[in-house]
Amino acid sequence: MKPNYRRCISCRKVGLREDFWRIVRVFPSGKVQLDQGMGRSAYICPQAGCLQAAQKKNRLGRSLHASVPETLYQTLWQRLAQSNPQNQV
């Protein structure tokens, strides 16, 4: 089976789908959420630099063609802190 490659919306790095976090604009409701659902997706590296740039420059919102709630960014920062306790910003 062929591997699934994705690109980070922030740093543009290409890698396996498992290496990224998936953010989805669910069809047809338009709700933006993490990991689950069918619809337009964006992928981001689980790194502080990528998350910070994506939040500052609204890269998730532009990629998904939707407004991204602040609570989603808070959830991503919490997930990053839990996965890398030594790399907190």
C-alpha atoms as a PDB file:
ATOM      1  CA  MET A   1       0.000   0.000   0.000  1.00  0.00           C
ATOM      2  CA  LYS A   2       1.254   3.473  -0.913  1.00  0.00           C
ATOM      3  CA  PRO A   3       2.060   5.822   1.995  1.00  0.00           C
ATOM      4  CA  ASN A   4      -0.081   8.928   2.485  1.00  0.00           C
ATOM      5  CA  TYR A   5       1.954  12.120   2.335  1.00  0.00           C
ATOM      6  CA  ARG A   6       0.749  15.486   3.604  1.00  0.00           C
ATOM      7  CA  ARG A   7       2.213  19.003   3.785  1.00  0.00           C
ATOM      8  CA  CYS A   8       2.346  21.267   6.841  1.00  0.00           C
ATOM      9  CA  ILE A   9       0.472  24.511   6.169  1.00  0.00           C
ATOM     10  CA  SER A  10       3.040  26.454   8.170  1.00  0.00           C
ATOM     11  CA  CYS A  11       6.552  25.229   7.312  1.00  0.00           C
ATOM     12  CA  ARG A  12       5.542  23.385   4.090  1.00  0.00           C
ATOM     13  CA  LYS A  13       7.387  20.225   5.186  1.00  0.00           C
ATOM     14  CA  VAL A  14       6.169  17.030   3.498  1.00  0.00           C
ATOM     15  CA  GLY A  15       5.799  13.879   5.566  1.00  0.00           C
ATOM     16  CA  LEU A  16       3.606  10.948   6.435  1.00  0.00           C
ATOM     17  CA  ARG A  17       0.058  11.730   7.522  1.00  0.00           C
ATOM     18  CA  GLU A  18       0.728  10.256  10.976  1.00  0.00           C
ATOM     19  CA  ASP A  19       3.409  12.913  11.606  1.00  0.00           C
ATOM     20  CA  PHE A  20       0.901  15.797  11.505  1.00  0.00           C
ATOM     21  CA  TRP A  21      -2.172  17.055  13.329  1.00  0.00           C
ATOM     22  CA  ARG A  22      -5.315  17.206  11.215  1.00  0.00           C
ATOM     23  CA  ILE A  23      -7.761  20.100  11.429  1.00  0.00           C
ATOM     24  CA  VAL A  24     -11.060  19.647   9.569  1.00  0.00           C
ATOM     25  CA  ARG A  25     -13.825  21.962   8.385  1.00  0.00           C
ATOM     26  CA  VAL A  26     -16.711  19.504   8.572  1.00  0.00           C
ATOM     27  CA  PHE A  27     -19.152  19.314   5.683  1.00  0.00           C
ATOM     28  CA  PRO A  28     -21.948  20.543   5.610  1.00  0.00           C
ATOM     29  CA  SER A  29     -21.999  22.289   9.016  1.00  0.00           C
ATOM     30  CA  GLY A  30     -18.766  24.243   8.461  1.00  0.00           C
ATOM     31  CA  LYS A  31     -17.617  23.570  12.040  1.00  0.00           C
ATOM     32  CA  VAL A  32     -13.828  23.443  12.490  1.00  0.00           C
ATOM     33  CA  GLN A  33     -12.539  20.612  14.690  1.00  0.00           C
ATOM     34  CA  LEU A  34      -9.587  18.328  15.317  1.00  0.00           C
ATOM     35  CA  ASP A  35      -8.882  14.891  13.884  1.00  0.00           C
ATOM     36  CA  GLN A  36     -12.377  13.667  13.018  1.00  0.00           C
ATOM     37  CA  GLY A  37     -14.916  14.245  10.300  1.00  0.00           C
ATOM     38  CA  MET A  38     -15.206  14.488   6.554  1.00  0.00           C
ATOM     39  CA  GLY A  39     -14.543  17.729   4.776  1.00  0.00           C
ATOM     40  CA  ARG A  40     -11.739  20.117   3.941  1.00  0.00           C
ATOM     41  CA  SER A  41      -8.582  19.315   5.918  1.00  0.00           C
ATOM     42  CA  ALA A  42      -5.370  21.081   6.821  1.00  0.00           C
ATOM     43  CA  TYR A  43      -2.302  19.517   8.401  1.00  0.00           C
ATOM     44  CA  ILE A  44       0.203  21.091  10.787  1.00  0.00           C
ATOM     45  CA  CYS A  45       3.431  19.888  12.404  1.00  0.00           C
ATOM     46  CA  PRO A  46       3.263  19.293  16.161  1.00  0.00           C
ATOM     47  CA  GLN A  47       5.907  21.982  16.792  1.00  0.00           C
ATOM     48  CA  ALA A  48       5.678  25.307  18.594  1.00  0.00           C
ATOM     49  CA  GLY A  49       7.132  27.284  15.674  1.00  0.00           C
ATOM     50  CA  CYS A  50       4.626  25.951  13.167  1.00  0.00           C
ATOM     51  CA  LEU A  51       1.679  26.446  15.494  1.00  0.00           C
ATOM     52  CA  GLN A  52       2.768  29.975  16.392  1.00  0.00           C
ATOM     53  CA  ALA A  53       3.188  30.988  12.728  1.00  0.00           C
ATOM     54  CA  ALA A  54      -0.121  29.393  11.744  1.00  0.00           C
ATOM     55  CA  GLN A  55      -1.947  31.278  14.496  1.00  0.00           C
ATOM     56  CA  LYS A  56      -0.250  34.611  13.859  1.00  0.00           C
ATOM     57  CA  LYS A  57      -0.723  34.573  10.069  1.00  0.00           C
ATOM     58  CA  ASN A  58      -4.147  32.844  10.086  1.00  0.00           C
ATOM     59  CA  ARG A  59      -2.846  30.016   7.927  1.00  0.00           C
ATOM     60  CA  LEU A  60      -5.418  27.531   9.209  1.00  0.00           C
ATOM     61  CA  GLY A  61      -8.292  29.886   8.451  1.00  0.00           C
ATOM     62  CA  ARG A  62      -7.044  30.601   4.936  1.00  0.00           C
ATOM     63  CA  SER A  63      -6.403  26.935   4.205  1.00  0.00           C
ATOM     64  CA  LEU A  64      -9.821  25.824   5.469  1.00  0.00           C
ATOM     65  CA  HIS A  65     -11.723  28.832   4.068  1.00  0.00           C
ATOM     66  CA  ALA A  66     -13.332  29.275   7.479  1.00  0.00           C
ATOM     67  CA  SER A  67     -12.767  31.137  10.716  1.00  0.00           C
ATOM     68  CA  VAL A  68     -10.877  29.080  13.273  1.00  0.00           C
ATOM     69  CA  PRO A  69     -12.098  29.488  16.872  1.00  0.00           C
ATOM     70  CA  GLU A  70      -9.589  30.540  19.525  1.00  0.00           C
ATOM     71  CA  THR A  71     -10.533  27.466  21.580  1.00  0.00           C
ATOM     72  CA  LEU A  72      -9.099  25.237  18.828  1.00  0.00           C
ATOM     73  CA  TYR A  73      -5.736  26.998  19.078  1.00  0.00           C
ATOM     74  CA  GLN A  74      -5.843  26.626  22.881  1.00  0.00           C
ATOM     75  CA  THR A  75      -6.484  22.908  22.461  1.00  0.00           C
ATOM     76  CA  LEU A  76      -3.539  22.609  20.055  1.00  0.00           C
ATOM     77  CA  TRP A  77      -1.225  24.446  22.492  1.00  0.00           C
ATOM     78  CA  GLN A  78      -2.354  22.123  25.316  1.00  0.00           C
ATOM     79  CA  ARG A  79      -1.756  19.077  23.120  1.00  0.00           C
ATOM     80  CA  LEU A  80       1.716  20.391  22.258  1.00  0.00           C
ATOM     81  CA  ALA A  81       2.534  20.971  25.947  1.00  0.00           C
ATOM     82  CA  GLN A  82       1.440  17.428  26.806  1.00  0.00           C
ATOM     83  CA  SER A  83       3.440  15.817  23.999  1.00  0.00           C
ATOM     84  CA  ASN A  84       6.620  17.915  24.525  1.00  0.00           C
ATOM     85  CA  PRO A  85       6.861  19.153  28.118  1.00  0.00           C
ATOM     86  CA  GLN A  86      10.457  20.333  27.589  1.00  0.00           C
ATOM     87  CA  ASN A  87       9.579  22.512  24.531  1.00  0.00           C
ATOM     88  CA  GLN A  88       7.067  24.882  26.062  1.00  0.00           C
ATOM     89  CA  VAL A  89       6.939  28.408  24.698  1.00  0.00           C
END
